[in-house]
Amino acid sequence: MELDYHIRKAIYTTVVKHLERNLSYFRNHKKFLGRRNVQVADRLMKSASEPAMNCSPPDSADKGQLEGPETSRHRSEVKITIGWVCAIAIELAAVRALLDEEYDPLPMHYMETNVYAFGRMGKHNIVIACLPAGKYGTVSAATVASETRWHFPDIRFYLIVGVGGGVPSEVNDIRLGDVVVSLPTGISGGVIQYEFGKTVSEGKFQYAGSLNAPPPLLLNALTHIRAINTKRLGAILEDIILSAGTADDRFSRPVQDRLFVANYDRLGQQESCEKCDPSMLIDRKFRENNYPYVHYGVIASGDKVIKHGATRDRIGREMGALCFEMEAAGLIHSLPCLVVRGICDYSDSHKNKEWQPYATVAAVAFIKKLLSHVPHLNI
């Protein structure tokens, strides 16, 4: 009896369990297996796995020494309904820090080039894909997203979440650590390609790269979020951010937030602004708290990094843009998306990476709150 138990356990752990996982992968990707083949394989696998899974040790006294099959939760047990695209490692770290549950990954098809993380945020099951190291911009984002879409056909919408460069103005008091959310305006769907357009009379450049608006489901959820008082929402986001910081101290909020006049560039090639003229700083209204504020409107997307204050202000005025980023334009043409950016710099020569972790986790915190207003999708 004891020998029979060990044989069954060995067969399950070394053979049947791996076949089950691979079958789950192919079941989710019907391009590899026809429906009838999947049904036949399911029946065969059930007959093979049940005897192994239902076996028990010969003596109850041995329960502490003999363990049954591994029962950790895998992606095959859930339906992935949300795709999440990150550009850099700190953005991936922020998402994982705020997942309510992270799932074990499954072996992927041998032609797969993406590396995924899987998890749950609230009631929603998410697949997270990050751009390859050193490969940024719209083309790389489009490649990653299209491959994700091919492997996970149940995805209803995508979230493009991470850092962006702010466009502060007298109208929009955007600070480091604030969050910008793409929202349709009268002339755009919330994201505009600032490099796409045409030159018209008098040499003026006319932008023509307005992209699709977020799906109605997310726009309805945004209405509920916008109904929350600004300070109250900021306090909610800060509480979520603090929960991430308990596990990773990289997400603590920096102290220094300095905005220089647009036509004053950093001196030379120095790494910091320690030698920059403090008289060139813009005196801004004091904020009574350090909560992240949320701004809604146009996000400018393109393949160029904007590091010039005057250029930032010009494009910001012409487009009504609140921030710049480099990935969204590669996805929104063909996929239902919402773009959310945490402000880590002011798109000028004084930019650095000090605020990237906090800005990223602030954007993820906003998404976590937003998803609490999105109904669970049963597929």
Foldseek 3Di string as FASTA:
>chain_A
DQVVLVVLQCCCVPPLVLVVLVLLQCVQQCVVPPPVVSVVVVVVSCVSVVVSQPDDHPDPVCDVPDDHDDDFAAPSVDAAAEEEEAEDDLLVLLLVLLFPFWGDYGDHDPPDDWDWTWGHQPLHTYIYTYFPPPDFFAVSLLVRVVSVCNSRVNHPAYEYFFAWAFADDPVRHAWALAKEWFPDDPVAQREFALVDADQDPPRDTDTDGGFHHADPLLVVLVVVVVVDDQVVSLVQLVVSLVSSCVVPVLQDADDDIWDFPQQDAAPDPDPANPVPDPVRTDDDDDDPDDGHGYHYGHEHEAQDQQAGSVVSNVSCVNPVHGTYDGHPSNPRRPGRYMYMHFHQHNSHNRGDRSSRNNSSSSRSSVVSVSVVSRDYDDD
